[in-house]
Amino acid sequence: MTVASGIERTRSPGDGARAFARFAWAVLGVTLAVVLWGAVVRATGSGAGCGSHWPLCNGAVLPQDPSQATIIEFVHRVGSGAALVLVAALWFRARRRFPGGVVRRWANAALVLILVEAGVGAGLVLMEWVGQDASAARAIAIALHLAVTYALLASLTLVGWHAPGREGVAPGIGRGATAAWVGGLIVIGMTGAVTALGDTLFPAATLAQGGASDFAAGSHFLVRLRVIHPVLAGGVGAALFVWAGRRAATVEGSSARRLSWLRRLVALQLLAGAINVVLLAPVWLQIVHLLLADLIWIVLVVCLAEAAGVATTNNGLARGGRPPATLGT
């Protein structure tokens, strides 16, 4: 018997699924980094750094004598391309490893969504909805961009979560409550994206001046919309904090710890949002604010998946994996 075959025989049959899950989490991490860098592009007004060219940058594969805005935008394009390749690789591995079931479905969704993301990004550039453009079309596109991003992050999270064949062991959550939390966070994210765009294009000199302009009849619509996000975020965030605390009291172990982390993240986010308003939305704090929002979304998706109440063994054997567990209720 060769050394290789000996190693193969001692390897756990679940090793392949766990390796796949680690790769899925890594892809999620890279995608999250690209999302955050995209916020840097918007906050620094660098979206027009490559002109109205896509996928080329100012008509070239590699920008010549680039400005700071060009470098920022070009790095984002390279990162987006890398994320697309990684998601495609994840989709390919999912098709090979899982003959069917939930992992494969979420991998399919992730591939479709990142292609949509690429299309939206290209559209923003080609339509010149970047830089100092303050049109309603750009605001709508930015909001939809955020919704697609959340769907993509959720899909990648669920691929990683379900890959090892986890079981939903926590008490179930009603579909109404699930839809409310998912919808609530997506709406908050969309309004936050529009608010951030308004902060970038129409920065306030002082807190008092910013507050007055929010309610002035002659202000640009992006300025007048800024008040919506903190009101919604405060209300939904407080409700989510209370819900997570009550739910944590009904579960134990890792489920309770995840809910505790969710509450901490929500509390930090509410604090960061308040400071963001007081400090007039500095770029670094906008990125932190977005990171916390994305982490809250990811942890919530995991908590909801855990409460599904069914085993997630992909409706079949992973190649080289273990047989499916009995489905729970």
C-alpha atoms as a PDB file:
ATOM      1  CA  MET A   1       0.000   0.000   0.000  1.00  0.00           C
ATOM      2  CA  THR A   2       1.405   3.407  -0.937  1.00  0.00           C
ATOM      3  CA  VAL A   3       1.692   6.312   1.467  1.00  0.00           C
ATOM      4  CA  ALA A   4      -0.853   8.264  -0.601  1.00  0.00           C
ATOM      5  CA  SER A   5      -3.436   5.494  -0.428  1.00  0.00           C
ATOM      6  CA  GLY A   6      -2.849   5.159   3.307  1.00  0.00           C
ATOM      7  CA  ILE A   7      -3.532   8.855   3.791  1.00  0.00           C
ATOM      8  CA  GLU A   8      -6.634   8.557   1.641  1.00  0.00           C
ATOM      9  CA  ARG A   9      -7.990   5.720   3.764  1.00  0.00           C
ATOM     10  CA  THR A  10      -7.464   7.586   7.039  1.00  0.00           C
ATOM     11  CA  ARG A  11      -9.009  10.796   5.759  1.00  0.00           C
ATOM     12  CA  SER A  12     -12.451  11.526   7.169  1.00  0.00           C
ATOM     13  CA  PRO A  13     -15.219  11.253   4.564  1.00  0.00           C
ATOM     14  CA  GLY A  14     -16.393  14.701   5.626  1.00  0.00           C
ATOM     15  CA  ASP A  15     -13.031  16.353   4.945  1.00  0.00           C
ATOM     16  CA  GLY A  16     -14.017  17.266   1.392  1.00  0.00           C
ATOM     17  CA  ALA A  17     -17.215  18.997   2.515  1.00  0.00           C
ATOM     18  CA  ARG A  18     -15.358  20.900   5.230  1.00  0.00           C
ATOM     19  CA  ALA A  19     -12.665  21.984   2.766  1.00  0.00           C
ATOM     20  CA  PHE A  20     -15.381  23.151   0.407  1.00  0.00           C
ATOM     21  CA  ALA A  21     -17.004  25.098   3.260  1.00  0.00           C
ATOM     22  CA  ARG A  22     -13.677  26.780   4.110  1.00  0.00           C
ATOM     23  CA  PHE A  23     -13.316  27.807   0.481  1.00  0.00           C
ATOM     24  CA  ALA A  24     -16.862  29.204   0.499  1.00  0.00           C
ATOM     25  CA  TRP A  25     -16.125  31.290   3.595  1.00  0.00           C
ATOM     26  CA  ALA A  26     -12.914  32.541   1.960  1.00  0.00           C
ATOM     27  CA  VAL A  27     -14.852  33.572  -1.146  1.00  0.00           C
ATOM     28  CA  LEU A  28     -17.309  35.392   1.109  1.00  0.00           C
ATOM     29  CA  GLY A  29     -14.406  37.215   2.784  1.00  0.00           C
ATOM     30  CA  VAL A  30     -12.950  38.340  -0.545  1.00  0.00           C
ATOM     31  CA  THR A  31     -16.366  39.456  -1.773  1.00  0.00           C
ATOM     32  CA  LEU A  32     -16.919  41.443   1.419  1.00  0.00           C
ATOM     33  CA  ALA A  33     -13.564  43.175   0.954  1.00  0.00           C
ATOM     34  CA  VAL A  34     -14.553  44.121  -2.607  1.00  0.00           C
ATOM     35  CA  VAL A  35     -17.865  45.515  -1.349  1.00  0.00           C
ATOM     36  CA  LEU A  36     -16.060  47.675   1.205  1.00  0.00           C
ATOM     37  CA  TRP A  37     -13.596  48.927  -1.399  1.00  0.00           C
ATOM     38  CA  GLY A  38     -16.553  49.814  -3.595  1.00  0.00           C
ATOM     39  CA  ALA A  39     -17.694  52.102  -0.782  1.00  0.00           C
ATOM     40  CA  VAL A  40     -14.252  53.716  -0.847  1.00  0.00           C
ATOM     41  CA  VAL A  41     -14.732  54.341  -4.576  1.00  0.00           C
ATOM     42  CA  ARG A  42     -18.056  56.047  -3.947  1.00  0.00           C
ATOM     43  CA  ALA A  43     -16.978  57.989  -0.842  1.00  0.00           C
ATOM     44  CA  THR A  44     -13.876  59.389  -2.547  1.00  0.00           C
ATOM     45  CA  GLY A  45     -15.709  60.224  -5.766  1.00  0.00           C
ATOM     46  CA  SER A  46     -13.439  57.879  -7.714  1.00  0.00           C
ATOM     47  CA  GLY A  47     -16.117  56.136  -9.753  1.00  0.00           C
ATOM     48  CA  ALA A  48     -15.134  58.139 -12.825  1.00  0.00           C
ATOM     49  CA  GLY A  49     -11.455  57.299 -12.363  1.00  0.00           C
ATOM     50  CA  CYS A  50     -11.449  55.123 -15.478  1.00  0.00           C
ATOM     51  CA  GLY A  51     -13.644  57.455 -17.484  1.00  0.00           C
ATOM     52  CA  SER A  52     -16.708  56.039 -19.213  1.00  0.00           C
ATOM     53  CA  HIS A  53     -14.783  52.960 -20.346  1.00  0.00           C
ATOM     54  CA  TRP A  54     -15.642  49.435 -19.203  1.00  0.00           C
ATOM     55  CA  PRO A  55     -14.046  46.945 -18.805  1.00  0.00           C
ATOM     56  CA  LEU A  56     -11.024  48.929 -19.986  1.00  0.00           C
ATOM     57  CA  CYS A  57      -9.717  51.771 -17.848  1.00  0.00           C
ATOM     58  CA  ASN A  58      -9.469  55.008 -19.804  1.00  0.00           C
ATOM     59  CA  GLY A  59      -9.295  52.908 -22.952  1.00  0.00           C
ATOM     60  CA  ALA A  60      -6.369  50.765 -21.764  1.00  0.00           C
ATOM     61  CA  VAL A  61      -5.961  47.423 -20.014  1.00  0.00           C
ATOM     62  CA  LEU A  62      -3.520  49.004 -17.569  1.00  0.00           C
ATOM     63  CA  PRO A  63      -3.976  52.734 -16.822  1.00  0.00           C
ATOM     64  CA  GLN A  64      -1.065  54.960 -17.835  1.00  0.00           C
ATOM     65  CA  ASP A  65       0.114  57.672 -15.426  1.00  0.00           C
ATOM     66  CA  PRO A  66      -2.970  57.114 -13.250  1.00  0.00           C
ATOM     67  CA  SER A  67      -4.417  59.633 -10.827  1.00  0.00           C
ATOM     68  CA  GLN A  68      -5.462  58.652  -7.307  1.00  0.00           C
ATOM     69  CA  ALA A  69      -9.073  58.275  -8.464  1.00  0.00           C
ATOM     70  CA  THR A  70      -7.967  56.023 -11.310  1.00  0.00           C
ATOM     71  CA  ILE A  71      -5.956  53.808  -8.963  1.00  0.00           C
ATOM     72  CA  ILE A  72      -8.869  53.487  -6.542  1.00  0.00           C
ATOM     73  CA  GLU A  73     -11.320  52.597  -9.301  1.00  0.00           C
ATOM     74  CA  PHE A  74      -8.883  50.250 -11.050  1.00  0.00           C
ATOM     75  CA  VAL A  75      -8.179  48.351  -7.815  1.00  0.00           C
ATOM     76  CA  HIS A  76     -11.931  47.931  -7.357  1.00  0.00           C
ATOM     77  CA  ARG A  77     -12.292  46.535 -10.877  1.00  0.00           C
ATOM     78  CA  VAL A  78      -9.451  44.080 -10.340  1.00  0.00           C
ATOM     79  CA  GLY A  79     -10.960  42.986  -7.025  1.00  0.00           C
ATOM     80  CA  SER A  80     -14.401  42.608  -8.590  1.00  0.00           C
ATOM     81  CA  GLY A  81     -12.910  40.458 -11.346  1.00  0.00           C
ATOM     82  CA  ALA A  82     -11.140  38.284  -8.780  1.00  0.00           C
ATOM     83  CA  ALA A  83     -14.374  37.865  -6.814  1.00  0.00           C
ATOM     84  CA  LEU A  84     -16.196  36.864  -9.998  1.00  0.00           C
ATOM     85  CA  VAL A  85     -13.580  34.216 -10.767  1.00  0.00           C
ATOM     86  CA  LEU A  86     -13.736  32.865  -7.206  1.00  0.00           C
ATOM     87  CA  VAL A  87     -17.533  32.670  -7.197  1.00  0.00           C
ATOM     88  CA  ALA A  88     -17.412  30.878 -10.552  1.00  0.00           C
ATOM     89  CA  ALA A  89     -14.869  28.431  -9.088  1.00  0.00           C
ATOM     90  CA  LEU A  90     -17.138  27.900  -6.076  1.00  0.00           C
ATOM     91  CA  TRP A  91     -20.061  27.203  -8.400  1.00  0.00           C
ATOM     92  CA  PHE A  92     -17.979  24.712 -10.396  1.00  0.00           C
ATOM     93  CA  ARG A  93     -16.839  22.904  -7.237  1.00  0.00           C
ATOM     94  CA  ALA A  94     -20.405  22.806  -5.929  1.00  0.00           C
ATOM     95  CA  ARG A  95     -21.595  21.148  -9.144  1.00  0.00           C
ATOM     96  CA  ARG A  96     -18.860  18.532  -8.887  1.00  0.00           C
ATOM     97  CA  ARG A  97     -19.225  17.805  -5.192  1.00  0.00           C
ATOM     98  CA  PHE A  98     -22.975  17.995  -4.655  1.00  0.00           C
ATOM     99  CA  PRO A  99     -25.308  16.110  -7.003  1.00  0.00           C
ATOM    100  CA  GLY A 100     -28.185  18.372  -5.974  1.00  0.00           C
ATOM    101  CA  GLY A 101     -29.728  20.152  -3.039  1.00  0.00           C
ATOM    102  CA  VAL A 102     -29.377  23.349  -1.093  1.00  0.00           C
ATOM    103  CA  VAL A 103     -25.631  24.004  -1.489  1.00  0.00           C
ATOM    104  CA  ARG A 104     -25.816  23.700  -5.229  1.00  0.00           C
ATOM    105  CA  ARG A 105     -28.878  25.963  -5.395  1.00  0.00           C
ATOM    106  CA  TRP A 106     -27.219  28.708  -3.362  1.00  0.00           C
ATOM    107  CA  ALA A 107     -24.032  28.401  -5.409  1.00  0.00           C
ATOM    108  CA  ASN A 108     -26.140  28.838  -8.548  1.00  0.00           C
ATOM    109  CA  ALA A 109     -27.729  31.914  -6.995  1.00  0.00           C
ATOM    110  CA  ALA A 110     -24.332  33.353  -6.057  1.00  0.00           C
ATOM    111  CA  LEU A 111     -23.045  33.003  -9.618  1.00  0.00           C
ATOM    112  CA  VAL A 112     -26.128  34.683 -11.092  1.00  0.00           C
ATOM    113  CA  LEU A 113     -26.011  37.478  -8.525  1.00  0.00           C
ATOM    114  CA  ILE A 114     -22.339  38.323  -9.011  1.00  0.00           C
ATOM    115  CA  LEU A 115     -22.953  38.494 -12.771  1.00  0.00           C
ATOM    116  CA  VAL A 116     -25.820  40.894 -12.073  1.00  0.00           C
ATOM    117  CA  GLU A 117     -23.481  42.888  -9.809  1.00  0.00           C
ATOM    118  CA  ALA A 118     -20.959  43.123 -12.625  1.00  0.00           C
ATOM    119  CA  GLY A 119     -23.689  44.280 -14.982  1.00  0.00           C
ATOM    120  CA  VAL A 120     -24.892  46.959 -12.566  1.00  0.00           C
ATOM    121  CA  GLY A 121     -21.317  48.161 -12.015  1.00  0.00           C
ATOM    122  CA  ALA A 122     -20.727  48.339 -15.744  1.00  0.00           C
ATOM    123  CA  GLY A 123     -24.009  50.194 -16.216  1.00  0.00           C
ATOM    124  CA  LEU A 124     -23.072  52.811 -13.624  1.00  0.00           C
ATOM    125  CA  VAL A 125     -19.852  53.513 -15.520  1.00  0.00           C
ATOM    126  CA  LEU A 126     -21.256  53.408 -19.045  1.00  0.00           C
ATOM    127  CA  MET A 127     -24.234  55.590 -18.116  1.00  0.00           C
ATOM    128  CA  GLU A 128     -21.818  57.937 -16.308  1.00  0.00           C
ATOM    129  CA  TRP A 129     -23.747  57.625 -13.036  1.00  0.00           C
ATOM    130  CA  VAL A 130     -20.506  58.121 -11.127  1.00  0.00           C
ATOM    131  CA  GLY A 131     -18.367  60.943  -9.803  1.00  0.00           C
ATOM    132  CA  GLN A 132     -20.523  64.014  -9.098  1.00  0.00           C
ATOM    133  CA  ASP A 133     -23.654  62.767 -10.856  1.00  0.00           C
ATOM    134  CA  ALA A 134     -26.636  63.425  -8.568  1.00  0.00           C
ATOM    135  CA  SER A 135     -29.453  62.046 -10.709  1.00  0.00           C
ATOM    136  CA  ALA A 136     -32.433  60.061  -9.476  1.00  0.00           C
ATOM    137  CA  ALA A 137     -31.365  57.261 -11.835  1.00  0.00           C
ATOM    138  CA  ARG A 138     -28.051  56.949 -10.011  1.00  0.00           C
ATOM    139  CA  ALA A 139     -29.772  56.880  -6.625  1.00  0.00           C
ATOM    140  CA  ILE A 140     -32.114  54.101  -7.761  1.00  0.00           C
ATOM    141  CA  ALA A 141     -29.231  52.131  -9.286  1.00  0.00           C
ATOM    142  CA  ILE A 142     -27.176  52.493  -6.085  1.00  0.00           C
ATOM    143  CA  ALA A 143     -30.084  51.252  -3.958  1.00  0.00           C
ATOM    144  CA  LEU A 144     -30.656  48.244  -6.227  1.00  0.00           C
ATOM    145  CA  HIS A 145     -26.912  47.606  -6.247  1.00  0.00           C
ATOM    146  CA  LEU A 146     -27.018  47.325  -2.464  1.00  0.00           C
ATOM    147  CA  ALA A 147     -29.970  44.911  -2.548  1.00  0.00           C
ATOM    148  CA  VAL A 148     -28.150  42.652  -5.007  1.00  0.00           C
ATOM    149  CA  THR A 149     -25.004  42.835  -2.864  1.00  0.00           C
ATOM    150  CA  TYR A 150     -26.946  41.706   0.200  1.00  0.00           C
ATOM    151  CA  ALA A 151     -28.468  38.837  -1.779  1.00  0.00           C
ATOM    152  CA  LEU A 152     -24.996  37.820  -2.971  1.00  0.00           C
ATOM    153  CA  LEU A 153     -23.530  37.904   0.545  1.00  0.00           C
ATOM    154  CA  ALA A 154     -26.477  35.861   1.818  1.00  0.00           C
ATOM    155  CA  SER A 155     -26.044  33.270  -0.943  1.00  0.00           C
ATOM    156  CA  LEU A 156     -22.335  32.824  -0.209  1.00  0.00           C
ATOM    157  CA  THR A 157     -23.056  32.651   3.532  1.00  0.00           C
ATOM    158  CA  LEU A 158     -25.616  29.898   2.993  1.00  0.00           C
ATOM    159  CA  VAL A 159     -23.243  27.938   0.754  1.00  0.00           C
ATOM    160  CA  GLY A 160     -20.631  27.946   3.517  1.00  0.00           C
ATOM    161  CA  TRP A 161     -23.156  27.235   6.244  1.00  0.00           C
ATOM    162  CA  HIS A 162     -24.893  24.316   4.559  1.00  0.00           C
ATOM    163  CA  ALA A 163     -21.835  22.671   2.985  1.00  0.00           C
ATOM    164  CA  PRO A 164     -20.870  20.459   5.971  1.00  0.00           C
ATOM    165  CA  GLY A 165     -24.432  19.105   6.171  1.00  0.00           C
ATOM    166  CA  ARG A 166     -25.500  21.130   9.197  1.00  0.00           C
ATOM    167  CA  GLU A 167     -28.835  20.603  10.867  1.00  0.00           C
ATOM    168  CA  GLY A 168     -31.191  23.356  11.896  1.00  0.00           C
ATOM    169  CA  VAL A 169     -31.256  22.671  15.622  1.00  0.00           C
ATOM    170  CA  ALA A 170     -32.581  25.957  16.967  1.00  0.00           C
ATOM    171  CA  PRO A 171     -36.300  26.538  17.516  1.00  0.00           C
ATOM    172  CA  GLY A 172     -37.934  27.559  14.270  1.00  0.00           C
ATOM    173  CA  ILE A 173     -38.756  31.118  13.260  1.00  0.00           C
ATOM    174  CA  GLY A 174     -41.987  31.860  11.443  1.00  0.00           C
ATOM    175  CA  ARG A 175     -41.852  32.849   7.800  1.00  0.00           C
ATOM    176  CA  GLY A 176     -43.407  36.190   8.626  1.00  0.00           C
ATOM    177  CA  ALA A 177     -40.689  37.061  11.132  1.00  0.00           C
ATOM    178  CA  THR A 178     -37.980  35.865   8.749  1.00  0.00           C
ATOM    179  CA  ALA A 179     -39.364  37.970   5.911  1.00  0.00           C
ATOM    180  CA  ALA A 180     -39.669  40.979   8.228  1.00  0.00           C
ATOM    181  CA  TRP A 181     -36.045  40.858   9.361  1.00  0.00           C
ATOM    182  CA  VAL A 182     -34.693  40.150   5.876  1.00  0.00           C
ATOM    183  CA  GLY A 183     -36.840  42.848   4.298  1.00  0.00           C
ATOM    184  CA  GLY A 184     -36.122  45.308   7.086  1.00  0.00           C
ATOM    185  CA  LEU A 185     -32.354  45.007   6.791  1.00  0.00           C
ATOM    186  CA  ILE A 186     -32.456  45.236   2.994  1.00  0.00           C
ATOM    187  CA  VAL A 187     -34.547  48.420   3.158  1.00  0.00           C
ATOM    188  CA  ILE A 188     -32.186  49.902   5.740  1.00  0.00           C
ATOM    189  CA  GLY A 189     -29.233  49.027   3.536  1.00  0.00           C
ATOM    190  CA  MET A 190     -30.848  50.589   0.463  1.00  0.00           C
ATOM    191  CA  THR A 191     -31.711  53.813   2.286  1.00  0.00           C
ATOM    192  CA  GLY A 192     -28.224  53.823   3.777  1.00  0.00           C
ATOM    193  CA  ALA A 193     -26.683  53.594   0.315  1.00  0.00           C
ATOM    194  CA  VAL A 194     -28.740  56.586  -0.856  1.00  0.00           C
ATOM    195  CA  THR A 195     -27.862  58.515   2.312  1.00  0.00           C
ATOM    196  CA  ALA A 196     -24.164  57.812   1.831  1.00  0.00           C
ATOM    197  CA  LEU A 197     -24.422  59.064  -1.749  1.00  0.00           C
ATOM    198  CA  GLY A 198     -26.028  62.271  -0.495  1.00  0.00           C
ATOM    199  CA  ASP A 199     -23.304  62.716   2.127  1.00  0.00           C
ATOM    200  CA  THR A 200     -20.660  62.309  -0.572  1.00  0.00           C
ATOM    201  CA  LEU A 201     -22.190  64.694  -3.105  1.00  0.00           C
ATOM    202  CA  PHE A 202     -23.552  67.278  -0.652  1.00  0.00           C
ATOM    203  CA  PRO A 203     -21.293  67.265   2.406  1.00  0.00           C
ATOM    204  CA  ALA A 204     -22.396  69.471   5.289  1.00  0.00           C
ATOM    205  CA  ALA A 205     -19.989  72.024   6.721  1.00  0.00           C
ATOM    206  CA  THR A 206     -21.456  71.739  10.223  1.00  0.00           C
ATOM    207  CA  LEU A 207     -23.949  69.504  12.005  1.00  0.00           C
ATOM    208  CA  ALA A 208     -26.418  72.384  12.329  1.00  0.00           C
ATOM    209  CA  GLN A 209     -26.114  73.298   8.660  1.00  0.00           C
ATOM    210  CA  GLY A 210     -26.608  69.664   7.660  1.00  0.00           C
ATOM    211  CA  GLY A 211     -29.693  69.306   9.851  1.00  0.00           C
ATOM    212  CA  ALA A 212     -31.229  72.475   8.451  1.00  0.00           C
ATOM    213  CA  SER A 213     -30.601  71.479   4.852  1.00  0.00           C
ATOM    214  CA  ASP A 214     -32.237  68.075   5.437  1.00  0.00           C
ATOM    215  CA  PHE A 215     -35.581  69.820   5.914  1.00  0.00           C
ATOM    216  CA  ALA A 216     -35.139  72.792   3.594  1.00  0.00           C
ATOM    217  CA  ALA A 217     -37.632  72.844   0.736  1.00  0.00           C
ATOM    218  CA  GLY A 218     -35.011  73.970  -1.745  1.00  0.00           C
ATOM    219  CA  SER A 219     -32.512  71.210  -0.907  1.00  0.00           C
ATOM    220  CA  HIS A 220     -31.630  68.502  -3.411  1.00  0.00           C
ATOM    221  CA  PHE A 221     -33.752  65.370  -3.018  1.00  0.00           C
ATOM    222  CA  LEU A 222     -30.689  63.365  -1.936  1.00  0.00           C
ATOM    223  CA  VAL A 223     -30.217  65.789   0.948  1.00  0.00           C
ATOM    224  CA  ARG A 224     -33.874  65.654   1.988  1.00  0.00           C
ATOM    225  CA  LEU A 225     -33.813  61.841   1.925  1.00  0.00           C
ATOM    226  CA  ARG A 226     -30.941  61.651   4.396  1.00  0.00           C
ATOM    227  CA  VAL A 227     -33.238  61.811   7.407  1.00  0.00           C
ATOM    228  CA  ILE A 228     -35.066  58.599   6.445  1.00  0.00           C
ATOM    229  CA  HIS A 229     -32.162  56.212   7.014  1.00  0.00           C
ATOM    230  CA  PRO A 230     -31.281  57.023  10.637  1.00  0.00           C
ATOM    231  CA  VAL A 231     -34.952  56.890  11.650  1.00  0.00           C
ATOM    232  CA  LEU A 232     -35.489  53.478  10.031  1.00  0.00           C
ATOM    233  CA  ALA A 233     -32.140  52.128  11.195  1.00  0.00           C
ATOM    234  CA  GLY A 234     -32.745  53.212  14.766  1.00  0.00           C
ATOM    235  CA  GLY A 235     -36.184  51.632  14.917  1.00  0.00           C
ATOM    236  CA  VAL A 236     -35.347  48.356  13.202  1.00  0.00           C
ATOM    237  CA  GLY A 237     -31.984  48.106  14.960  1.00  0.00           C
ATOM    238  CA  ALA A 238     -33.554  48.510  18.398  1.00  0.00           C
ATOM    239  CA  ALA A 239     -36.217  45.921  17.545  1.00  0.00           C
ATOM    240  CA  LEU A 240     -33.578  43.478  16.284  1.00  0.00           C
ATOM    241  CA  PHE A 241     -31.530  43.976  19.453  1.00  0.00           C
ATOM    242  CA  VAL A 242     -34.541  43.123  21.633  1.00  0.00           C
ATOM    243  CA  TRP A 243     -35.583  40.162  19.442  1.00  0.00           C
ATOM    244  CA  ALA A 244     -32.092  38.653  19.495  1.00  0.00           C
ATOM    245  CA  GLY A 245     -31.981  38.952  23.274  1.00  0.00           C
ATOM    246  CA  ARG A 246     -35.311  37.235  23.731  1.00  0.00           C
ATOM    247  CA  ARG A 247     -34.420  34.502  21.271  1.00  0.00           C
ATOM    248  CA  ALA A 248     -31.036  33.932  22.949  1.00  0.00           C
ATOM    249  CA  ALA A 249     -32.916  33.085  26.142  1.00  0.00           C
ATOM    250  CA  THR A 250     -34.663  30.190  24.335  1.00  0.00           C
ATOM    251  CA  VAL A 251     -31.530  28.538  22.901  1.00  0.00           C
ATOM    252  CA  GLU A 252     -28.122  27.503  24.185  1.00  0.00           C
ATOM    253  CA  GLY A 253     -24.570  26.786  23.083  1.00  0.00           C
ATOM    254  CA  SER A 254     -23.378  28.170  19.760  1.00  0.00           C
ATOM    255  CA  SER A 255     -26.868  29.402  18.861  1.00  0.00           C
ATOM    256  CA  ALA A 256     -26.972  31.639  21.922  1.00  0.00           C
ATOM    257  CA  ARG A 257     -23.435  32.878  21.281  1.00  0.00           C
ATOM    258  CA  ARG A 258     -24.286  33.850  17.717  1.00  0.00           C
ATOM    259  CA  LEU A 259     -27.327  35.776  18.887  1.00  0.00           C
ATOM    260  CA  SER A 260     -25.195  37.517  21.511  1.00  0.00           C
ATOM    261  CA  TRP A 261     -22.762  38.548  18.781  1.00  0.00           C
ATOM    262  CA  LEU A 262     -25.685  39.788  16.723  1.00  0.00           C
ATOM    263  CA  ARG A 263     -26.774  42.013  19.605  1.00  0.00           C
ATOM    264  CA  ARG A 264     -23.236  43.359  20.066  1.00  0.00           C
ATOM    265  CA  LEU A 265     -22.945  44.162  16.383  1.00  0.00           C
ATOM    266  CA  VAL A 266     -26.320  45.918  16.374  1.00  0.00           C
ATOM    267  CA  ALA A 267     -25.333  48.002  19.410  1.00  0.00           C
ATOM    268  CA  LEU A 268     -22.010  48.935  17.798  1.00  0.00           C
ATOM    269  CA  GLN A 269     -23.786  49.806  14.564  1.00  0.00           C
ATOM    270  CA  LEU A 270     -26.267  52.112  16.288  1.00  0.00           C
ATOM    271  CA  LEU A 271     -23.364  53.826  18.045  1.00  0.00           C
ATOM    272  CA  ALA A 272     -21.352  54.082  14.825  1.00  0.00           C
ATOM    273  CA  GLY A 273     -24.363  55.532  13.026  1.00  0.00           C
ATOM    274  CA  ALA A 274     -24.808  58.222  15.652  1.00  0.00           C
ATOM    275  CA  ILE A 275     -21.110  59.114  15.576  1.00  0.00           C
ATOM    276  CA  ASN A 276     -21.206  59.129  11.779  1.00  0.00           C
ATOM    277  CA  VAL A 277     -23.903  61.812  11.892  1.00  0.00           C
ATOM    278  CA  VAL A 278     -22.079  63.911  14.485  1.00  0.00           C
ATOM    279  CA  LEU A 279     -18.731  63.726  12.644  1.00  0.00           C
ATOM    280  CA  LEU A 280     -20.396  64.483   9.285  1.00  0.00           C
ATOM    281  CA  ALA A 281     -19.691  61.079   7.726  1.00  0.00           C
ATOM    282  CA  PRO A 282     -15.898  60.845   7.360  1.00  0.00           C
ATOM    283  CA  VAL A 283     -14.814  58.258   4.796  1.00  0.00           C
ATOM    284  CA  TRP A 284     -13.196  55.884   7.296  1.00  0.00           C
ATOM    285  CA  LEU A 285     -16.326  55.808   9.450  1.00  0.00           C
ATOM    286  CA  GLN A 286     -18.543  55.221   6.425  1.00  0.00           C
ATOM    287  CA  ILE A 287     -16.496  52.095   5.709  1.00  0.00           C
ATOM    288  CA  VAL A 288     -16.744  50.919   9.319  1.00  0.00           C
ATOM    289  CA  HIS A 289     -20.494  51.598   9.238  1.00  0.00           C
ATOM    290  CA  LEU A 290     -20.885  49.503   6.082  1.00  0.00           C
ATOM    291  CA  LEU A 291     -18.707  46.699   7.491  1.00  0.00           C
ATOM    292  CA  LEU A 292     -20.879  46.471  10.598  1.00  0.00           C
ATOM    293  CA  ALA A 293     -24.029  46.457   8.447  1.00  0.00           C
ATOM    294  CA  ASP A 294     -22.659  43.606   6.337  1.00  0.00           C
ATOM    295  CA  LEU A 295     -21.589  41.611   9.401  1.00  0.00           C
ATOM    296  CA  ILE A 296     -25.025  42.042  10.980  1.00  0.00           C
ATOM    297  CA  TRP A 297     -26.584  40.804   7.753  1.00  0.00           C
ATOM    298  CA  ILE A 298     -24.294  37.759   7.554  1.00  0.00           C
ATOM    299  CA  VAL A 299     -24.800  36.771  11.203  1.00  0.00           C
ATOM    300  CA  LEU A 300     -28.566  37.205  10.891  1.00  0.00           C
ATOM    301  CA  VAL A 301     -28.605  34.986   7.793  1.00  0.00           C
ATOM    302  CA  VAL A 302     -26.754  32.282   9.760  1.00  0.00           C
ATOM    303  CA  CYS A 303     -29.155  32.606  12.704  1.00  0.00           C
ATOM    304  CA  LEU A 304     -32.145  32.267  10.391  1.00  0.00           C
ATOM    305  CA  ALA A 305     -30.579  29.301   8.589  1.00  0.00           C
ATOM    306  CA  GLU A 306     -29.903  27.575  11.895  1.00  0.00           C
ATOM    307  CA  ALA A 307     -33.536  28.003  12.852  1.00  0.00           C
ATOM    308  CA  ALA A 308     -34.781  26.363   9.665  1.00  0.00           C
ATOM    309  CA  GLY A 309     -35.342  23.184  11.644  1.00  0.00           C
ATOM    310  CA  VAL A 310     -34.213  20.778   8.917  1.00  0.00           C
ATOM    311  CA  ALA A 311     -31.033  18.919   8.173  1.00  0.00           C
ATOM    312  CA  THR A 312     -29.156  20.393   5.234  1.00  0.00           C
ATOM    313  CA  THR A 313     -27.462  17.412   3.685  1.00  0.00           C
ATOM    314  CA  ASN A 314     -28.024  18.591   0.131  1.00  0.00           C
ATOM    315  CA  ASN A 315     -30.629  15.985  -0.863  1.00  0.00           C
ATOM    316  CA  GLY A 316     -27.905  13.528  -1.639  1.00  0.00           C
ATOM    317  CA  LEU A 317     -24.329  12.512  -1.000  1.00  0.00           C
ATOM    318  CA  ALA A 318     -21.534  14.941  -1.481  1.00  0.00           C
ATOM    319  CA  ARG A 319     -18.876  13.188  -3.512  1.00  0.00           C
ATOM    320  CA  GLY A 320     -16.856  11.370  -0.926  1.00  0.00           C
ATOM    321  CA  GLY A 321     -19.164  12.728   1.792  1.00  0.00           C
ATOM    322  CA  ARG A 322     -21.348  11.163   4.445  1.00  0.00           C
ATOM    323  CA  PRO A 323     -24.877   9.898   3.888  1.00  0.00           C
ATOM    324  CA  PRO A 324     -27.682  12.389   4.609  1.00  0.00           C
ATOM    325  CA  ALA A 325     -28.982  12.660   8.156  1.00  0.00           C
ATOM    326  CA  THR A 326     -32.615  12.177   8.944  1.00  0.00           C
ATOM    327  CA  LEU A 327     -34.581  15.349   8.302  1.00  0.00           C
ATOM    328  CA  GLY A 328     -35.868  17.037  11.412  1.00  0.00           C
ATOM    329  CA  THR A 329     -39.052  19.022  11.862  1.00  0.00           C
END
